[in-house]
N, C-alpha and C. Protein backbone atom coordinates (compact mmCIF):
# COMPACT_ATOMS: atom_id res chain seq x y z
N UNK A 1 89.60 97.83 77.45
CA UNK A 1 88.43 97.99 77.96
C UNK A 1 87.99 99.54 78.25
N UNK A 2 86.77 99.73 78.00
CA UNK A 2 86.04 100.63 77.98
C UNK A 2 85.80 101.04 79.46
N UNK A 3 86.52 102.03 79.93
CA UNK A 3 86.52 102.47 81.27
C UNK A 3 84.72 102.95 81.46
N UNK A 4 84.44 103.84 80.55
CA UNK A 4 83.06 104.38 80.69
C UNK A 4 81.96 103.49 81.23
N UNK A 5 81.93 102.14 80.30
CA UNK A 5 80.77 101.33 80.43
C UNK A 5 81.41 100.48 81.72
N UNK A 6 82.50 100.28 82.27
CA UNK A 6 82.76 99.55 83.14
C UNK A 6 82.54 100.52 84.62
N UNK A 7 82.47 101.54 84.59
CA UNK A 7 82.32 102.79 85.39
C UNK A 7 80.63 102.59 85.64
N UNK A 8 79.93 102.66 84.77
CA UNK A 8 78.31 102.68 85.04
C UNK A 8 78.03 101.36 85.49
N UNK A 9 78.90 100.23 84.82
CA UNK A 9 78.47 98.75 85.42
C UNK A 9 78.75 98.66 86.96
N UNK A 10 79.84 99.16 87.08
CA UNK A 10 80.13 99.04 88.75
C UNK A 10 79.08 100.07 89.53
N UNK A 11 78.88 100.94 89.10
CA UNK A 11 77.94 102.10 89.63
C UNK A 11 76.31 101.10 90.06
N UNK A 12 75.95 100.64 88.70
CA UNK A 12 74.55 100.21 88.97
C UNK A 12 74.50 98.58 89.46
N UNK A 13 75.45 97.75 89.47
CA UNK A 13 75.72 96.54 90.23
C UNK A 13 76.63 96.25 91.31
N UNK A 14 77.15 97.30 91.49
CA UNK A 14 78.08 97.25 92.86
C UNK A 14 78.01 98.30 93.58
N UNK A 15 78.88 98.60 94.22
CA UNK A 15 79.02 99.81 95.36
C UNK A 15 80.36 100.48 95.39
N UNK A 16 79.82 101.85 95.13
CA UNK A 16 80.83 102.84 94.56
C UNK A 16 80.17 103.99 95.83
N UNK A 17 81.33 104.84 96.12
CA UNK A 17 81.00 105.88 96.88
C UNK A 17 81.99 107.16 96.20
N UNK A 18 81.52 108.21 96.01
CA UNK A 18 82.02 109.40 95.35
C UNK A 18 82.35 110.65 96.38
N UNK A 19 83.56 111.24 96.03
CA UNK A 19 84.06 112.34 96.53
C UNK A 19 85.20 111.99 97.29
N UNK A 20 85.81 113.26 97.60
CA UNK A 20 87.12 113.03 98.48
C UNK A 20 86.72 112.52 99.94
N UNK A 21 85.82 113.15 100.76
CA UNK A 21 85.50 112.70 102.11
C UNK A 21 85.06 111.26 102.12
N UNK A 22 84.26 110.68 101.27
CA UNK A 22 83.78 109.33 101.16
C UNK A 22 84.65 108.28 100.95
N UNK A 23 85.66 108.70 99.64
CA UNK A 23 86.81 108.08 99.28
C UNK A 23 87.67 107.87 100.43
N UNK A 24 88.47 108.74 101.15
CA UNK A 24 89.23 108.85 102.36
C UNK A 24 88.55 107.87 103.35
N UNK A 25 87.18 107.78 103.85
CA UNK A 25 86.60 107.34 104.37
C UNK A 25 86.62 105.74 104.41
N UNK A 26 86.41 105.42 103.19
CA UNK A 26 86.45 104.28 102.64
C UNK A 26 87.60 103.51 102.40
N UNK A 27 88.83 104.41 102.41
CA UNK A 27 90.40 103.90 102.48
C UNK A 27 90.72 103.54 104.10
N UNK A 28 90.17 104.31 104.85
CA UNK A 28 90.49 104.25 106.21
C UNK A 28 89.88 102.84 106.70
N UNK A 29 88.76 102.80 106.58
CA UNK A 29 88.10 101.69 106.91
C UNK A 29 88.35 100.17 105.94
N UNK A 30 89.32 100.30 105.17
CA UNK A 30 89.97 99.50 104.50
C UNK A 30 88.68 98.65 103.56
N UNK A 31 88.00 99.24 102.97
CA UNK A 31 86.88 98.65 102.31
C UNK A 31 86.86 99.21 100.53
N UNK A 32 88.05 100.09 100.60
CA UNK A 32 88.15 100.53 99.19
C UNK A 32 88.93 99.19 98.38
N UNK A 33 88.85 99.09 97.20
CA UNK A 33 89.51 97.85 96.17
C UNK A 33 90.15 98.81 95.32
N UNK A 34 89.40 99.83 95.00
CA UNK A 34 90.01 100.49 93.85
C UNK A 34 89.68 101.77 93.89
N UNK A 35 90.79 102.87 93.69
CA UNK A 35 90.14 104.47 93.72
C UNK A 35 90.73 105.09 92.45
N UNK A 36 89.42 105.68 91.87
CA UNK A 36 89.66 106.49 90.49
C UNK A 36 89.62 107.79 90.71
N UNK A 37 90.58 108.01 90.26
CA UNK A 37 91.01 109.83 90.42
C UNK A 37 91.09 110.86 89.12
N UNK A 38 90.38 111.66 89.52
CA UNK A 38 90.35 112.43 88.03
C UNK A 38 92.02 113.32 87.70
N UNK A 39 92.05 113.67 86.54
CA UNK A 39 93.36 114.71 86.46
C UNK A 39 93.43 115.50 86.93
N UNK A 40 92.22 116.23 87.40
CA UNK A 40 92.75 117.83 88.02
C UNK A 40 92.18 117.59 89.56
N UNK A 41 92.36 116.70 90.06
CA UNK A 41 91.76 116.02 91.51
C UNK A 41 92.48 116.93 92.42
N UNK A 42 91.89 117.87 93.22
CA UNK A 42 92.17 119.00 93.97
C UNK A 42 93.44 118.26 95.25
N UNK A 43 93.20 117.19 95.33
CA UNK A 43 93.86 116.42 96.61
C UNK A 43 94.91 115.44 96.28
N UNK A 44 95.97 116.32 95.91
CA UNK A 44 97.34 115.19 95.63
C UNK A 44 97.82 114.05 96.57
N UNK A 45 96.90 114.52 98.00
CA UNK A 45 97.26 113.61 99.07
C UNK A 45 97.05 111.94 98.73
N UNK A 46 95.84 111.85 97.98
CA UNK A 46 94.93 110.66 97.80
C UNK A 46 96.12 109.68 96.75
N UNK A 47 96.93 110.70 96.16
CA UNK A 47 97.50 109.82 94.91
C UNK A 47 98.87 109.52 95.74
N UNK A 48 99.23 109.76 97.00
CA UNK A 48 100.30 109.18 97.73
C UNK A 48 100.12 107.77 98.16
N UNK A 49 98.50 107.93 98.96
CA UNK A 49 98.31 106.71 99.41
C UNK A 49 98.47 105.20 98.56
N UNK A 50 99.44 104.57 99.48
CA UNK A 50 99.47 103.24 98.55
C UNK A 50 98.75 101.92 99.52
N UNK A 51 97.74 102.48 99.95
CA UNK A 51 97.15 101.53 100.75
C UNK A 51 96.19 100.60 99.79
N UNK A 52 95.88 101.22 98.57
CA UNK A 52 94.93 100.59 97.71
C UNK A 52 95.27 101.26 96.15
N UNK A 53 95.00 100.13 95.30
CA UNK A 53 95.03 100.46 93.96
C UNK A 53 94.61 101.81 93.36
N UNK A 54 95.29 102.45 92.65
CA UNK A 54 94.95 103.99 92.48
C UNK A 54 94.76 103.83 91.20
N UNK A 55 93.69 104.49 90.18
CA UNK A 55 93.70 104.39 88.87
C UNK A 55 93.42 105.97 88.33
N UNK A 56 94.43 106.84 87.57
CA UNK A 56 94.41 108.06 87.33
C UNK A 56 93.54 107.96 85.64
N UNK A 57 92.58 108.90 86.00
CA UNK A 57 91.14 108.98 84.62
C UNK A 57 91.87 110.01 84.36
N UNK A 58 92.22 109.72 82.78
CA UNK A 58 92.66 111.10 81.90
C UNK A 58 91.63 111.82 81.37
N UNK A 59 90.91 112.39 82.57
CA UNK A 59 90.02 113.65 82.32
C UNK A 59 89.47 114.46 83.89
N UNK A 60 88.91 115.33 83.28
CA UNK A 60 88.82 116.17 84.51
C UNK A 60 87.44 115.76 85.35
N UNK A 61 87.22 116.59 86.37
CA UNK A 61 86.19 116.42 87.21
C UNK A 61 84.83 116.09 86.58
N UNK A 62 84.65 117.42 85.56
CA UNK A 62 83.26 116.94 84.56
C UNK A 62 83.22 115.82 84.01
N UNK A 63 84.21 115.67 83.41
CA UNK A 63 84.53 114.38 82.40
C UNK A 63 84.17 113.13 83.31
N UNK A 64 84.91 113.20 84.52
CA UNK A 64 84.50 111.69 85.43
C UNK A 64 83.02 111.76 85.44
N UNK A 65 82.47 112.82 86.35
CA UNK A 65 81.39 112.82 86.61
C UNK A 65 80.34 112.37 85.15
N UNK A 66 80.25 112.79 84.02
CA UNK A 66 79.99 112.25 82.90
C UNK A 66 79.93 110.84 82.66
N UNK A 67 81.35 110.37 82.83
CA UNK A 67 81.74 108.98 82.78
C UNK A 67 80.69 108.13 83.46
N UNK A 68 80.46 108.77 84.63
CA UNK A 68 79.81 107.93 85.65
C UNK A 68 78.37 108.07 85.56
N UNK A 69 78.01 108.87 84.88
CA UNK A 69 76.33 109.04 84.11
C UNK A 69 75.68 109.90 85.42
N UNK A 70 76.72 110.84 85.88
CA UNK A 70 76.18 111.84 86.79
C UNK A 70 76.09 113.33 86.50
N UNK A 71 75.26 113.80 86.69
CA UNK A 71 75.14 115.47 86.25
C UNK A 71 75.89 116.32 87.34
N UNK A 72 76.86 115.94 87.84
CA UNK A 72 78.08 116.86 88.66
C UNK A 72 79.24 116.19 88.62
N UNK A 73 80.11 117.14 88.92
CA UNK A 73 81.83 116.84 88.92
C UNK A 73 81.89 116.06 89.80
N UNK A 74 82.89 114.99 89.60
CA UNK A 74 83.39 113.98 90.39
C UNK A 74 85.01 114.29 90.47
N UNK A 75 85.54 114.34 91.58
CA UNK A 75 87.15 114.13 91.49
C UNK A 75 87.61 112.93 92.09
N UNK A 76 86.98 112.07 92.63
CA UNK A 76 87.41 110.92 93.34
C UNK A 76 86.17 109.89 93.30
N UNK A 77 86.52 108.46 93.29
CA UNK A 77 85.45 107.58 93.76
C UNK A 77 86.40 106.61 94.02
N UNK A 78 85.47 105.65 94.91
CA UNK A 78 86.06 104.45 95.54
C UNK A 78 85.18 103.23 94.84
N UNK A 79 85.49 102.43 94.55
CA UNK A 79 85.06 101.11 94.32
C UNK A 79 85.27 100.06 95.23
N UNK A 80 84.11 99.86 96.31
CA UNK A 80 84.29 99.09 97.38
C UNK A 80 84.07 97.57 96.93
N UNK A 81 82.62 97.33 95.74
CA UNK A 81 82.30 96.29 95.51
C UNK A 81 82.12 96.71 93.75
N UNK A 82 82.97 95.69 92.93
CA UNK A 82 82.84 95.95 91.37
C UNK A 82 81.18 95.38 90.85
N UNK A 83 80.71 94.83 91.45
CA UNK A 83 79.14 94.19 91.02
C UNK A 83 80.13 93.38 89.97
N UNK A 84 78.96 93.39 88.68
CA UNK A 84 79.41 92.75 87.63
C UNK A 84 80.51 93.33 86.76
N UNK A 85 81.12 94.32 87.04
CA UNK A 85 82.11 95.02 85.91
C UNK A 85 83.59 94.12 86.39
N UNK A 86 84.36 94.49 85.26
CA UNK A 86 85.77 93.99 85.78
C UNK A 86 86.69 95.17 85.96
N UNK A 87 85.98 96.35 86.58
CA UNK A 87 86.73 97.22 86.34
C UNK A 87 88.16 97.53 87.54
N UNK A 88 88.18 96.47 88.19
CA UNK A 88 89.37 96.13 89.31
C UNK A 88 90.38 95.79 88.38
N UNK A 89 90.29 95.24 87.28
CA UNK A 89 91.68 94.76 86.38
C UNK A 89 92.02 96.02 85.78
N UNK A 90 91.94 97.19 85.94
CA UNK A 90 92.46 98.52 85.63
C UNK A 90 94.05 98.66 86.13
């Protein structure tokens, strides 16, 4: 599976929230189906949460941002609705 392609498809056809605060809110609201965390995410507490499936992205914040097609760094993101992507099978 091409993670970059699936991320962009999920972003364009589904519902995705970016950033630590938005990810935490999605987890607390029990709306997050998958959390993607960059390898250098500053908040290790997210990785200990077992309420939702967590995928460790093999890249830094800027690389995750680029994979999402965004011009900024992304440390975490929450997939609420995958849309037409098959990203939940990670």
